[in-house]
Protein backbone atom coordinates (compact mmCIF):
# COMPACT_ATOMS: atom_id res chain seq x y z
CA UNK A 1 0.00 0.00 0.00
CA UNK A 2 1.17 3.53 -0.75
CA UNK A 3 2.40 5.71 2.10
CA UNK A 4 2.75 9.46 2.64
CA UNK A 5 6.39 9.04 1.59
CA UNK A 6 5.20 7.54 -1.71
CA UNK A 7 2.90 10.52 -2.21
CA UNK A 8 5.80 12.94 -1.67
CA UNK A 9 7.86 11.04 -4.24
CA UNK A 10 4.96 11.18 -6.65
CA UNK A 11 4.64 14.95 -6.16
CA UNK A 12 8.30 15.41 -7.08
CA UNK A 13 7.94 13.24 -10.20
CA UNK A 14 4.85 15.21 -11.22
CA UNK A 15 6.66 18.51 -10.72
CA UNK A 16 9.72 17.36 -12.67
CA UNK A 17 7.58 16.12 -15.55
CA UNK A 18 5.09 18.97 -15.86
CA UNK A 19 6.81 21.91 -14.16
CA UNK A 20 4.14 22.54 -11.52
CA UNK A 21 3.58 21.48 -7.91
CA UNK A 22 -0.23 21.74 -7.89
CA UNK A 23 -0.39 18.22 -6.40
CA UNK A 24 0.20 19.82 -3.00
CA UNK A 25 -3.06 21.75 -3.22
CA UNK A 26 -5.73 21.42 -0.57
CA UNK A 27 -8.88 19.50 -1.49
CA UNK A 28 -11.53 21.77 -2.95
CA UNK A 29 -9.09 24.48 -4.08
CA UNK A 30 -8.69 25.57 -7.69
CA UNK A 31 -5.22 24.02 -7.87
CA UNK A 32 -6.68 20.74 -6.59
CA UNK A 33 -9.25 20.85 -9.38
CA UNK A 34 -6.43 21.47 -11.85
CA UNK A 35 -4.55 18.42 -10.54
CA UNK A 36 -7.55 16.31 -11.57
CA UNK A 37 -7.75 17.65 -15.14
CA UNK A 38 -8.23 14.77 -17.57
CA UNK A 39 -7.77 12.17 -14.82
CA UNK A 40 -10.09 9.22 -14.18
CA UNK A 41 -11.13 9.85 -10.59
CA UNK A 42 -12.81 7.68 -7.96
CA UNK A 43 -15.94 9.82 -7.87
CA UNK A 44 -16.52 9.34 -11.62
CA UNK A 45 -14.96 5.93 -12.29
CA UNK A 46 -18.32 4.20 -12.77
CA UNK A 47 -18.66 6.17 -16.02
CA UNK A 48 -15.23 5.02 -17.21
CA UNK A 49 -16.20 1.36 -16.79
CA UNK A 50 -19.66 1.76 -18.29
CA UNK A 51 -20.57 -0.30 -21.34
CA UNK A 52 -18.35 0.39 -24.35
CA UNK A 53 -20.30 2.50 -26.81
CA UNK A 54 -22.68 3.82 -24.16
CA UNK A 55 -23.56 7.49 -23.87
CA UNK A 56 -22.36 7.50 -20.26
CA UNK A 57 -18.88 6.33 -21.21
CA UNK A 58 -18.63 8.61 -24.24
CA UNK A 59 -19.77 11.70 -22.34
CA UNK A 60 -17.23 11.14 -19.58
CA UNK A 61 -14.46 10.59 -22.12
CA UNK A 62 -15.37 13.82 -23.93
CA UNK A 63 -15.37 15.63 -20.57
CA UNK A 64 -11.84 14.47 -19.79
CA UNK A 65 -10.62 15.31 -23.30
CA UNK A 66 -12.16 18.78 -22.97
CA UNK A 67 -10.31 19.26 -19.68
CA UNK A 68 -7.00 18.38 -21.35
CA UNK A 69 -7.78 20.60 -24.35
CA UNK A 70 -8.86 23.67 -22.37
CA UNK A 71 -7.13 23.32 -19.01
CA UNK A 72 -10.48 24.18 -17.46
CA UNK A 73 -12.82 22.24 -15.20
CA UNK A 74 -16.29 23.10 -14.01
CA UNK A 75 -16.26 24.12 -10.35
CA UNK A 76 -19.32 22.73 -8.60
CA UNK A 77 -20.63 24.33 -5.42
CA UNK A 78 -23.75 23.35 -3.53
CA UNK A 79 -25.24 23.30 -0.05
CA UNK A 80 -24.58 19.54 0.03
CA UNK A 81 -20.85 19.98 -0.63
CA UNK A 82 -20.63 22.87 1.82
CA UNK A 83 -22.23 20.72 4.52
CA UNK A 84 -19.75 17.93 3.86
CA UNK A 85 -16.76 20.26 4.06
CA UNK A 86 -18.09 21.85 7.26
CA UNK A 87 -18.40 18.53 9.07
CA UNK A 88 -15.61 16.38 7.64
CA UNK A 89 -13.01 17.35 10.24
CA UNK A 90 -15.39 16.52 13.08
CA UNK A 91 -16.21 13.19 11.43
CA UNK A 92 -12.50 12.39 11.13
CA UNK A 93 -11.89 13.28 14.77
CA UNK A 94 -14.86 11.16 15.90
CA UNK A 95 -13.54 8.20 13.92
CA UNK A 96 -10.04 8.60 15.37
CA UNK A 97 -11.39 8.79 18.91
CA UNK A 98 -13.74 5.81 18.52
CA UNK A 99 -11.02 3.64 17.00
CA UNK A 100 -8.02 4.96 18.96
CA UNK A 101 -6.13 5.62 15.76
CA UNK A 102 -4.80 8.40 13.54
CA UNK A 103 -5.88 9.23 9.99
CA UNK A 104 -3.06 10.40 7.72
CA UNK A 105 -4.61 12.88 5.30
CA UNK A 106 -3.87 12.96 1.57
CA UNK A 107 -5.12 15.61 -0.84
CA UNK A 108 -4.77 13.68 -4.09
CA UNK A 109 -2.92 10.54 -5.09
CA UNK A 110 -2.27 8.98 -8.49
CA UNK A 111 -2.20 5.25 -9.13
CA UNK A 112 1.19 5.50 -10.84
CA UNK A 113 3.51 7.83 -12.70
CA UNK A 114 1.39 7.80 -15.88
CA UNK A 115 -0.92 10.16 -13.93
CA UNK A 116 -4.02 8.80 -15.64
CA UNK A 117 -5.93 7.51 -12.60
CA UNK A 118 -6.24 9.14 -9.21
CA UNK A 119 -8.29 9.64 -6.09
CA UNK A 120 -8.90 12.19 -3.36
CA UNK A 121 -9.09 9.95 -0.32
CA UNK A 122 -10.07 11.14 3.12
CA UNK A 123 -7.03 9.43 4.58
CA UNK A 124 -4.99 6.35 5.40
CA UNK A 125 -5.41 4.62 8.75
CA UNK A 126 -1.98 4.88 10.33
CA UNK A 127 -0.09 1.60 10.46
CA UNK A 128 -2.69 -0.36 8.49
CA UNK A 129 -3.39 -1.21 4.84
CA UNK A 130 -6.67 0.61 5.19
CA UNK A 131 -8.17 3.83 3.90
CA UNK A 132 -11.12 5.86 5.15
CA UNK A 133 -13.91 7.31 3.05
CA UNK A 134 -16.12 9.83 4.88
CA UNK A 135 -19.59 11.00 3.89
CA UNK A 136 -21.61 13.63 5.74
CA UNK A 137 -25.16 13.43 4.33
CA UNK A 138 -26.97 16.75 4.11
CA UNK A 139 -30.31 15.00 4.45
CA UNK A 140 -30.69 13.08 7.76
CA UNK A 141 -33.08 10.70 6.01
CA UNK A 142 -30.20 9.35 3.95
CA UNK A 143 -28.15 8.83 7.09
CA UNK A 144 -30.99 6.87 8.70
CA UNK A 145 -31.25 4.70 5.58
CA UNK A 146 -27.55 3.91 5.90
CA UNK A 147 -27.81 3.05 9.60
CA UNK A 148 -30.76 0.69 9.35
CA UNK A 149 -29.87 -1.00 6.05
CA UNK A 150 -26.09 -1.44 6.41
CA UNK A 151 -25.98 -0.91 2.66
CA UNK A 152 -23.71 1.30 0.57
CA UNK A 153 -24.89 2.96 -2.64
CA UNK A 154 -23.56 1.43 -5.87
CA UNK A 155 -21.78 4.67 -6.85
CA UNK A 156 -19.91 4.67 -3.53
CA UNK A 157 -18.94 1.01 -3.95
CA UNK A 158 -17.26 1.84 -7.26
CA UNK A 159 -15.60 4.81 -5.57
CA UNK A 160 -13.95 3.04 -2.65
CA UNK A 161 -13.02 -0.02 -4.71
CA UNK A 162 -11.23 2.32 -7.14
CA UNK A 163 -9.55 4.07 -4.22
CA UNK A 164 -8.17 0.66 -3.22
CA UNK A 165 -6.90 0.17 -6.77
CA UNK A 166 -5.15 3.53 -6.67
CA UNK A 167 -3.65 3.19 -3.19
CA UNK A 168 -3.13 -0.55 -2.88
CA UNK A 169 -5.26 -0.68 0.28
CA UNK A 170 -6.73 -4.04 1.26
CA UNK A 171 -9.68 -2.69 3.25
CA UNK A 172 -11.62 0.53 3.71
CA UNK A 173 -13.80 1.93 6.45
CA UNK A 174 -16.83 3.60 4.90
CA UNK A 175 -17.90 6.28 7.36
CA UNK A 176 -21.07 8.34 7.53
CA UNK A 177 -21.46 11.13 10.07
CA UNK A 178 -24.34 13.38 11.12
CA UNK A 179 -23.70 15.66 14.14
CA UNK A 180 -27.44 16.41 14.39
CA UNK A 181 -28.15 12.87 15.62
CA UNK A 182 -28.91 12.58 19.35
CA UNK A 183 -27.55 9.03 19.32
CA UNK A 184 -25.18 7.22 16.96
CA UNK A 185 -23.90 10.27 15.04
CA UNK A 186 -21.26 8.12 13.34
CA UNK A 187 -21.60 4.77 11.57
CA UNK A 188 -18.75 2.72 10.09
CA UNK A 189 -18.89 -0.21 7.69
CA UNK A 190 -15.72 -2.13 6.93
CA UNK A 191 -15.37 -3.22 3.32
CA UNK A 192 -12.84 -5.52 1.68
CA UNK A 193 -11.02 -5.26 -1.61
CA UNK A 194 -13.26 -7.04 -4.15
CA UNK A 195 -11.58 -9.08 -6.89
CA UNK A 196 -14.54 -8.74 -9.25
CA UNK A 197 -14.41 -4.94 -9.15
CA UNK A 198 -10.63 -4.98 -9.54
CA UNK A 199 -10.89 -7.32 -12.54
CA UNK A 200 -13.35 -4.96 -14.22
CA UNK A 201 -10.98 -2.04 -13.63
CA UNK A 202 -8.07 -4.04 -15.09
CA UNK A 203 -10.07 -4.87 -18.21
CA UNK A 204 -12.06 -1.71 -18.88
CA UNK A 205 -9.86 1.20 -17.81
CA UNK A 206 -7.00 0.45 -20.26
CA UNK A 207 -9.62 0.25 -23.03
CA UNK A 208 -11.06 3.59 -21.93
CA UNK A 209 -7.63 5.24 -21.91
CA UNK A 210 -6.82 3.81 -25.35
CA UNK A 211 -10.01 5.31 -26.80
CA UNK A 212 -9.40 8.58 -24.96
CA UNK A 213 -5.89 8.85 -26.43
CA UNK A 214 -7.31 8.23 -29.91
CA UNK A 215 -9.72 11.10 -29.35
CA UNK A 216 -6.92 13.38 -28.13
CA UNK A 217 -4.82 12.48 -31.18
CA UNK A 218 -7.74 13.23 -33.48
CA UNK A 219 -7.96 16.72 -31.99
CA UNK A 220 -4.20 17.20 -32.09
CA UNK A 221 -3.27 17.40 -28.40
CA UNK A 222 -1.43 15.14 -25.96
CA UNK A 223 -2.19 14.07 -22.45
CA UNK A 224 -0.13 16.19 -20.06
CA UNK A 225 -0.53 19.38 -22.10
CA UNK A 226 -3.08 20.57 -19.52
CA UNK A 227 -0.45 20.72 -16.77
CA UNK A 228 2.38 22.02 -18.97
CA UNK A 229 0.11 24.94 -19.91
CA UNK A 230 -0.55 25.66 -16.23
CA UNK A 231 3.19 25.68 -15.57
CA UNK A 232 3.74 28.13 -18.43
CA UNK A 233 1.09 30.47 -17.04
CA UNK A 234 2.38 30.34 -13.46
CA UNK A 235 4.72 33.23 -12.60
CA UNK A 236 8.23 32.03 -11.84
CA UNK A 237 9.72 33.04 -8.51
CA UNK A 238 13.13 34.72 -8.95
C-alpha atoms as a PDB file:
ATOM      1  CA  UNK A   1       0.000   0.000   0.000  1.00  0.00           C
ATOM      2  CA  UNK A   2       1.173   3.530  -0.752  1.00  0.00           C
ATOM      3  CA  UNK A   3       2.403   5.713   2.102  1.00  0.00           C
ATOM      4  CA  UNK A   4       2.752   9.460   2.637  1.00  0.00           C
ATOM      5  CA  UNK A   5       6.385   9.036   1.593  1.00  0.00           C
ATOM      6  CA  UNK A   6       5.205   7.539  -1.708  1.00  0.00           C
ATOM      7  CA  UNK A   7       2.905  10.520  -2.206  1.00  0.00           C
ATOM      8  CA  UNK A   8       5.799  12.938  -1.666  1.00  0.00           C
ATOM      9  CA  UNK A   9       7.859  11.042  -4.236  1.00  0.00           C
ATOM     10  CA  UNK A  10       4.962  11.182  -6.650  1.00  0.00           C
ATOM     11  CA  UNK A  11       4.638  14.949  -6.160  1.00  0.00           C
ATOM     12  CA  UNK A  12       8.297  15.405  -7.079  1.00  0.00           C
ATOM     13  CA  UNK A  13       7.945  13.244 -10.201  1.00  0.00           C
ATOM     14  CA  UNK A  14       4.852  15.206 -11.220  1.00  0.00           C
ATOM     15  CA  UNK A  15       6.659  18.507 -10.716  1.00  0.00           C
ATOM     16  CA  UNK A  16       9.723  17.363 -12.673  1.00  0.00           C
ATOM     17  CA  UNK A  17       7.579  16.122 -15.549  1.00  0.00           C
ATOM     18  CA  UNK A  18       5.087  18.969 -15.861  1.00  0.00           C
ATOM     19  CA  UNK A  19       6.806  21.907 -14.157  1.00  0.00           C
ATOM     20  CA  UNK A  20       4.142  22.537 -11.521  1.00  0.00           C
ATOM     21  CA  UNK A  21       3.584  21.477  -7.906  1.00  0.00           C
ATOM     22  CA  UNK A  22      -0.228  21.740  -7.888  1.00  0.00           C
ATOM     23  CA  UNK A  23      -0.394  18.222  -6.399  1.00  0.00           C
ATOM     24  CA  UNK A  24       0.204  19.823  -3.003  1.00  0.00           C
ATOM     25  CA  UNK A  25      -3.059  21.748  -3.222  1.00  0.00           C
ATOM     26  CA  UNK A  26      -5.735  21.417  -0.567  1.00  0.00           C
ATOM     27  CA  UNK A  27      -8.881  19.495  -1.488  1.00  0.00           C
ATOM     28  CA  UNK A  28     -11.526  21.771  -2.952  1.00  0.00           C
ATOM     29  CA  UNK A  29      -9.090  24.479  -4.079  1.00  0.00           C
ATOM     30  CA  UNK A  30      -8.690  25.574  -7.690  1.00  0.00           C
ATOM     31  CA  UNK A  31      -5.221  24.022  -7.870  1.00  0.00           C
ATOM     32  CA  UNK A  32      -6.683  20.743  -6.587  1.00  0.00           C
ATOM     33  CA  UNK A  33      -9.253  20.848  -9.383  1.00  0.00           C
ATOM     34  CA  UNK A  34      -6.425  21.470 -11.847  1.00  0.00           C
ATOM     35  CA  UNK A  35      -4.548  18.417 -10.537  1.00  0.00           C
ATOM     36  CA  UNK A  36      -7.552  16.306 -11.571  1.00  0.00           C
ATOM     37  CA  UNK A  37      -7.749  17.652 -15.137  1.00  0.00           C
ATOM     38  CA  UNK A  38      -8.228  14.774 -17.573  1.00  0.00           C
ATOM     39  CA  UNK A  39      -7.772  12.166 -14.824  1.00  0.00           C
ATOM     40  CA  UNK A  40     -10.090   9.221 -14.179  1.00  0.00           C
ATOM     41  CA  UNK A  41     -11.133   9.851 -10.587  1.00  0.00           C
ATOM     42  CA  UNK A  42     -12.811   7.684  -7.958  1.00  0.00           C
ATOM     43  CA  UNK A  43     -15.944   9.816  -7.871  1.00  0.00           C
ATOM     44  CA  UNK A  44     -16.521   9.335 -11.623  1.00  0.00           C
ATOM     45  CA  UNK A  45     -14.960   5.934 -12.293  1.00  0.00           C
ATOM     46  CA  UNK A  46     -18.316   4.200 -12.771  1.00  0.00           C
ATOM     47  CA  UNK A  47     -18.661   6.170 -16.024  1.00  0.00           C
ATOM     48  CA  UNK A  48     -15.228   5.017 -17.214  1.00  0.00           C
ATOM     49  CA  UNK A  49     -16.199   1.357 -16.787  1.00  0.00           C
ATOM     50  CA  UNK A  50     -19.658   1.759 -18.285  1.00  0.00           C
ATOM     51  CA  UNK A  51     -20.571  -0.301 -21.340  1.00  0.00           C
ATOM     52  CA  UNK A  52     -18.348   0.393 -24.345  1.00  0.00           C
ATOM     53  CA  UNK A  53     -20.303   2.501 -26.810  1.00  0.00           C
ATOM     54  CA  UNK A  54     -22.679   3.822 -24.161  1.00  0.00           C
ATOM     55  CA  UNK A  55     -23.557   7.488 -23.869  1.00  0.00           C
ATOM     56  CA  UNK A  56     -22.365   7.496 -20.257  1.00  0.00           C
ATOM     57  CA  UNK A  57     -18.877   6.328 -21.210  1.00  0.00           C
ATOM     58  CA  UNK A  58     -18.629   8.612 -24.245  1.00  0.00           C
ATOM     59  CA  UNK A  59     -19.770  11.699 -22.341  1.00  0.00           C
ATOM     60  CA  UNK A  60     -17.229  11.137 -19.583  1.00  0.00           C
ATOM     61  CA  UNK A  61     -14.462  10.587 -22.122  1.00  0.00           C
ATOM     62  CA  UNK A  62     -15.374  13.820 -23.927  1.00  0.00           C
ATOM     63  CA  UNK A  63     -15.374  15.625 -20.567  1.00  0.00           C
ATOM     64  CA  UNK A  64     -11.837  14.474 -19.789  1.00  0.00           C
ATOM     65  CA  UNK A  65     -10.618  15.307 -23.302  1.00  0.00           C
ATOM     66  CA  UNK A  66     -12.157  18.775 -22.973  1.00  0.00           C
ATOM     67  CA  UNK A  67     -10.306  19.263 -19.683  1.00  0.00           C
ATOM     68  CA  UNK A  68      -6.997  18.380 -21.350  1.00  0.00           C
ATOM     69  CA  UNK A  69      -7.780  20.603 -24.347  1.00  0.00           C
ATOM     70  CA  UNK A  70      -8.856  23.674 -22.366  1.00  0.00           C
ATOM     71  CA  UNK A  71      -7.132  23.322 -19.006  1.00  0.00           C
ATOM     72  CA  UNK A  72     -10.476  24.175 -17.458  1.00  0.00           C
ATOM     73  CA  UNK A  73     -12.820  22.239 -15.195  1.00  0.00           C
ATOM     74  CA  UNK A  74     -16.288  23.100 -14.007  1.00  0.00           C
ATOM     75  CA  UNK A  75     -16.264  24.121 -10.353  1.00  0.00           C
ATOM     76  CA  UNK A  76     -19.318  22.727  -8.601  1.00  0.00           C
ATOM     77  CA  UNK A  77     -20.626  24.335  -5.422  1.00  0.00           C
ATOM     78  CA  UNK A  78     -23.749  23.346  -3.527  1.00  0.00           C
ATOM     79  CA  UNK A  79     -25.237  23.303  -0.050  1.00  0.00           C
ATOM     80  CA  UNK A  80     -24.580  19.541   0.027  1.00  0.00           C
ATOM     81  CA  UNK A  81     -20.854  19.976  -0.626  1.00  0.00           C
ATOM     82  CA  UNK A  82     -20.631  22.872   1.822  1.00  0.00           C
ATOM     83  CA  UNK A  83     -22.228  20.725   4.516  1.00  0.00           C
ATOM     84  CA  UNK A  84     -19.749  17.933   3.864  1.00  0.00           C
ATOM     85  CA  UNK A  85     -16.761  20.265   4.060  1.00  0.00           C
ATOM     86  CA  UNK A  86     -18.094  21.853   7.258  1.00  0.00           C
ATOM     87  CA  UNK A  87     -18.398  18.528   9.067  1.00  0.00           C
ATOM     88  CA  UNK A  88     -15.606  16.375   7.638  1.00  0.00           C
ATOM     89  CA  UNK A  89     -13.006  17.351  10.244  1.00  0.00           C
ATOM     90  CA  UNK A  90     -15.394  16.524  13.075  1.00  0.00           C
ATOM     91  CA  UNK A  91     -16.208  13.193  11.426  1.00  0.00           C
ATOM     92  CA  UNK A  92     -12.499  12.393  11.130  1.00  0.00           C
ATOM     93  CA  UNK A  93     -11.892  13.277  14.774  1.00  0.00           C
ATOM     94  CA  UNK A  94     -14.856  11.158  15.897  1.00  0.00           C
ATOM     95  CA  UNK A  95     -13.539   8.197  13.923  1.00  0.00           C
ATOM     96  CA  UNK A  96     -10.039   8.600  15.372  1.00  0.00           C
ATOM     97  CA  UNK A  97     -11.388   8.791  18.913  1.00  0.00           C
ATOM     98  CA  UNK A  98     -13.739   5.810  18.523  1.00  0.00           C
ATOM     99  CA  UNK A  99     -11.018   3.638  16.996  1.00  0.00           C
ATOM    100  CA  UNK A 100      -8.023   4.957  18.962  1.00  0.00           C
ATOM    101  CA  UNK A 101      -6.130   5.622  15.759  1.00  0.00           C
ATOM    102  CA  UNK A 102      -4.802   8.396  13.538  1.00  0.00           C
ATOM    103  CA  UNK A 103      -5.881   9.231   9.994  1.00  0.00           C
ATOM    104  CA  UNK A 104      -3.061  10.396   7.724  1.00  0.00           C
ATOM    105  CA  UNK A 105      -4.606  12.877   5.302  1.00  0.00           C
ATOM    106  CA  UNK A 106      -3.875  12.955   1.568  1.00  0.00           C
ATOM    107  CA  UNK A 107      -5.119  15.615  -0.839  1.00  0.00           C
ATOM    108  CA  UNK A 108      -4.772  13.679  -4.093  1.00  0.00           C
ATOM    109  CA  UNK A 109      -2.922  10.543  -5.093  1.00  0.00           C
ATOM    110  CA  UNK A 110      -2.274   8.978  -8.494  1.00  0.00           C
ATOM    111  CA  UNK A 111      -2.202   5.248  -9.131  1.00  0.00           C
ATOM    112  CA  UNK A 112       1.194   5.500 -10.843  1.00  0.00           C
ATOM    113  CA  UNK A 113       3.507   7.829 -12.704  1.00  0.00           C
ATOM    114  CA  UNK A 114       1.393   7.795 -15.877  1.00  0.00           C
ATOM    115  CA  UNK A 115      -0.915  10.159 -13.926  1.00  0.00           C
ATOM    116  CA  UNK A 116      -4.019   8.802 -15.639  1.00  0.00           C
ATOM    117  CA  UNK A 117      -5.929   7.509 -12.597  1.00  0.00           C
ATOM    118  CA  UNK A 118      -6.242   9.141  -9.210  1.00  0.00           C
ATOM    119  CA  UNK A 119      -8.293   9.643  -6.087  1.00  0.00           C
ATOM    120  CA  UNK A 120      -8.903  12.195  -3.357  1.00  0.00           C
ATOM    121  CA  UNK A 121      -9.094   9.951  -0.325  1.00  0.00           C
ATOM    122  CA  UNK A 122     -10.066  11.143   3.119  1.00  0.00           C
ATOM    123  CA  UNK A 123      -7.035   9.433   4.578  1.00  0.00           C
ATOM    124  CA  UNK A 124      -4.987   6.348   5.402  1.00  0.00           C
ATOM    125  CA  UNK A 125      -5.412   4.618   8.745  1.00  0.00           C
ATOM    126  CA  UNK A 126      -1.983   4.877  10.333  1.00  0.00           C
ATOM    127  CA  UNK A 127      -0.090   1.598  10.463  1.00  0.00           C
ATOM    128  CA  UNK A 128      -2.689  -0.364   8.487  1.00  0.00           C
ATOM    129  CA  UNK A 129      -3.387  -1.210   4.842  1.00  0.00           C
ATOM    130  CA  UNK A 130      -6.671   0.611   5.186  1.00  0.00           C
ATOM    131  CA  UNK A 131      -8.175   3.832   3.905  1.00  0.00           C
ATOM    132  CA  UNK A 132     -11.119   5.860   5.153  1.00  0.00           C
ATOM    133  CA  UNK A 133     -13.915   7.309   3.048  1.00  0.00           C
ATOM    134  CA  UNK A 134     -16.122   9.832   4.876  1.00  0.00           C
ATOM    135  CA  UNK A 135     -19.592  11.001   3.888  1.00  0.00           C
ATOM    136  CA  UNK A 136     -21.615  13.627   5.737  1.00  0.00           C
ATOM    137  CA  UNK A 137     -25.161  13.435   4.326  1.00  0.00           C
ATOM    138  CA  UNK A 138     -26.969  16.746   4.113  1.00  0.00           C
ATOM    139  CA  UNK A 139     -30.311  15.001   4.453  1.00  0.00           C
ATOM    140  CA  UNK A 140     -30.689  13.081   7.765  1.00  0.00           C
ATOM    141  CA  UNK A 141     -33.083  10.703   6.011  1.00  0.00           C
ATOM    142  CA  UNK A 142     -30.198   9.353   3.949  1.00  0.00           C
ATOM    143  CA  UNK A 143     -28.150   8.835   7.094  1.00  0.00           C
ATOM    144  CA  UNK A 144     -30.987   6.865   8.700  1.00  0.00           C
ATOM    145  CA  UNK A 145     -31.249   4.699   5.583  1.00  0.00           C
ATOM    146  CA  UNK A 146     -27.549   3.915   5.902  1.00  0.00           C
ATOM    147  CA  UNK A 147     -27.805   3.052   9.602  1.00  0.00           C
ATOM    148  CA  UNK A 148     -30.762   0.692   9.348  1.00  0.00           C
ATOM    149  CA  UNK A 149     -29.874  -1.005   6.047  1.00  0.00           C
ATOM    150  CA  UNK A 150     -26.094  -1.438   6.413  1.00  0.00           C
ATOM    151  CA  UNK A 151     -25.977  -0.914   2.659  1.00  0.00           C
ATOM    152  CA  UNK A 152     -23.713   1.299   0.567  1.00  0.00           C
ATOM    153  CA  UNK A 153     -24.886   2.958  -2.642  1.00  0.00           C
ATOM    154  CA  UNK A 154     -23.561   1.433  -5.866  1.00  0.00           C
ATOM    155  CA  UNK A 155     -21.780   4.667  -6.851  1.00  0.00           C
ATOM    156  CA  UNK A 156     -19.915   4.670  -3.526  1.00  0.00           C
ATOM    157  CA  UNK A 157     -18.935   1.011  -3.953  1.00  0.00           C
ATOM    158  CA  UNK A 158     -17.262   1.841  -7.260  1.00  0.00           C
ATOM    159  CA  UNK A 159     -15.604   4.813  -5.567  1.00  0.00           C
ATOM    160  CA  UNK A 160     -13.953   3.044  -2.650  1.00  0.00           C
ATOM    161  CA  UNK A 161     -13.019  -0.016  -4.712  1.00  0.00           C
ATOM    162  CA  UNK A 162     -11.233   2.319  -7.144  1.00  0.00           C
ATOM    163  CA  UNK A 163      -9.550   4.074  -4.216  1.00  0.00           C
ATOM    164  CA  UNK A 164      -8.174   0.662  -3.216  1.00  0.00           C
ATOM    165  CA  UNK A 165      -6.901   0.168  -6.768  1.00  0.00           C
ATOM    166  CA  UNK A 166      -5.148   3.530  -6.673  1.00  0.00           C
ATOM    167  CA  UNK A 167      -3.647   3.193  -3.193  1.00  0.00           C
ATOM    168  CA  UNK A 168      -3.127  -0.549  -2.881  1.00  0.00           C
ATOM    169  CA  UNK A 169      -5.258  -0.678   0.281  1.00  0.00           C
ATOM    170  CA  UNK A 170      -6.731  -4.039   1.258  1.00  0.00           C
ATOM    171  CA  UNK A 171      -9.676  -2.689   3.251  1.00  0.00           C
ATOM    172  CA  UNK A 172     -11.625   0.528   3.712  1.00  0.00           C
ATOM    173  CA  UNK A 173     -13.801   1.928   6.450  1.00  0.00           C
ATOM    174  CA  UNK A 174     -16.828   3.599   4.901  1.00  0.00           C
ATOM    175  CA  UNK A 175     -17.902   6.280   7.363  1.00  0.00           C
ATOM    176  CA  UNK A 176     -21.067   8.336   7.530  1.00  0.00           C
ATOM    177  CA  UNK A 177     -21.462  11.126  10.071  1.00  0.00           C
ATOM    178  CA  UNK A 178     -24.338  13.379  11.124  1.00  0.00           C
ATOM    179  CA  UNK A 179     -23.704  15.655  14.136  1.00  0.00           C
ATOM    180  CA  UNK A 180     -27.437  16.406  14.391  1.00  0.00           C
ATOM    181  CA  UNK A 181     -28.149  12.867  15.620  1.00  0.00           C
ATOM    182  CA  UNK A 182     -28.911  12.584  19.345  1.00  0.00           C
ATOM    183  CA  UNK A 183     -27.550   9.030  19.324  1.00  0.00           C
ATOM    184  CA  UNK A 184     -25.177   7.221  16.955  1.00  0.00           C
ATOM    185  CA  UNK A 185     -23.895  10.274  15.042  1.00  0.00           C
ATOM    186  CA  UNK A 186     -21.263   8.117  13.338  1.00  0.00           C
ATOM    187  CA  UNK A 187     -21.604   4.771  11.571  1.00  0.00           C
ATOM    188  CA  UNK A 188     -18.751   2.720  10.094  1.00  0.00           C
ATOM    189  CA  UNK A 189     -18.887  -0.212   7.687  1.00  0.00           C
ATOM    190  CA  UNK A 190     -15.717  -2.132   6.932  1.00  0.00           C
ATOM    191  CA  UNK A 191     -15.374  -3.221   3.316  1.00  0.00           C
ATOM    192  CA  UNK A 192     -12.844  -5.519   1.676  1.00  0.00           C
ATOM    193  CA  UNK A 193     -11.023  -5.264  -1.613  1.00  0.00           C
ATOM    194  CA  UNK A 194     -13.256  -7.037  -4.146  1.00  0.00           C
ATOM    195  CA  UNK A 195     -11.577  -9.078  -6.887  1.00  0.00           C
ATOM    196  CA  UNK A 196     -14.538  -8.738  -9.255  1.00  0.00           C
ATOM    197  CA  UNK A 197     -14.409  -4.945  -9.147  1.00  0.00           C
ATOM    198  CA  UNK A 198     -10.628  -4.978  -9.537  1.00  0.00           C
ATOM    199  CA  UNK A 199     -10.886  -7.321 -12.536  1.00  0.00           C
ATOM    200  CA  UNK A 200     -13.347  -4.957 -14.222  1.00  0.00           C
ATOM    201  CA  UNK A 201     -10.975  -2.044 -13.632  1.00  0.00           C
ATOM    202  CA  UNK A 202      -8.066  -4.041 -15.092  1.00  0.00           C
ATOM    203  CA  UNK A 203     -10.072  -4.875 -18.214  1.00  0.00           C
ATOM    204  CA  UNK A 204     -12.062  -1.714 -18.882  1.00  0.00           C
ATOM    205  CA  UNK A 205      -9.860   1.199 -17.809  1.00  0.00           C
ATOM    206  CA  UNK A 206      -7.002   0.451 -20.265  1.00  0.00           C
ATOM    207  CA  UNK A 207      -9.621   0.252 -23.027  1.00  0.00           C
ATOM    208  CA  UNK A 208     -11.062   3.591 -21.926  1.00  0.00           C
ATOM    209  CA  UNK A 209      -7.628   5.239 -21.907  1.00  0.00           C
ATOM    210  CA  UNK A 210      -6.821   3.807 -25.351  1.00  0.00           C
ATOM    211  CA  UNK A 211     -10.006   5.309 -26.796  1.00  0.00           C
ATOM    212  CA  UNK A 212      -9.395   8.579 -24.959  1.00  0.00           C
ATOM    213  CA  UNK A 213      -5.893   8.850 -26.425  1.00  0.00           C
ATOM    214  CA  UNK A 214      -7.313   8.234 -29.908  1.00  0.00           C
ATOM    215  CA  UNK A 215      -9.718  11.104 -29.346  1.00  0.00           C
ATOM    216  CA  UNK A 216      -6.917  13.375 -28.126  1.00  0.00           C
ATOM    217  CA  UNK A 217      -4.815  12.477 -31.185  1.00  0.00           C
ATOM    218  CA  UNK A 218      -7.737  13.232 -33.485  1.00  0.00           C
ATOM    219  CA  UNK A 219      -7.963  16.724 -31.986  1.00  0.00           C
ATOM    220  CA  UNK A 220      -4.204  17.203 -32.091  1.00  0.00           C
ATOM    221  CA  UNK A 221      -3.273  17.403 -28.400  1.00  0.00           C
ATOM    222  CA  UNK A 222      -1.428  15.144 -25.965  1.00  0.00           C
ATOM    223  CA  UNK A 223      -2.190  14.074 -22.448  1.00  0.00           C
ATOM    224  CA  UNK A 224      -0.127  16.190 -20.062  1.00  0.00           C
ATOM    225  CA  UNK A 225      -0.532  19.379 -22.101  1.00  0.00           C
ATOM    226  CA  UNK A 226      -3.079  20.566 -19.525  1.00  0.00           C
ATOM    227  CA  UNK A 227      -0.448  20.716 -16.774  1.00  0.00           C
ATOM    228  CA  UNK A 228       2.377  22.023 -18.974  1.00  0.00           C
ATOM    229  CA  UNK A 229       0.108  24.938 -19.909  1.00  0.00           C
ATOM    230  CA  UNK A 230      -0.555  25.659 -16.233  1.00  0.00           C
ATOM    231  CA  UNK A 231       3.194  25.683 -15.568  1.00  0.00           C
ATOM    232  CA  UNK A 232       3.740  28.132 -18.426  1.00  0.00           C
ATOM    233  CA  UNK A 233       1.090  30.468 -17.038  1.00  0.00           C
ATOM    234  CA  UNK A 234       2.384  30.341 -13.465  1.00  0.00           C
ATOM    235  CA  UNK A 235       4.721  33.233 -12.596  1.00  0.00           C
ATOM    236  CA  UNK A 236       8.232  32.026 -11.843  1.00  0.00           C
ATOM    237  CA  UNK A 237       9.720  33.040  -8.507  1.00  0.00           C
ATOM    238  CA  UNK A 238      13.127  34.723  -8.953  1.00  0.00           C
END
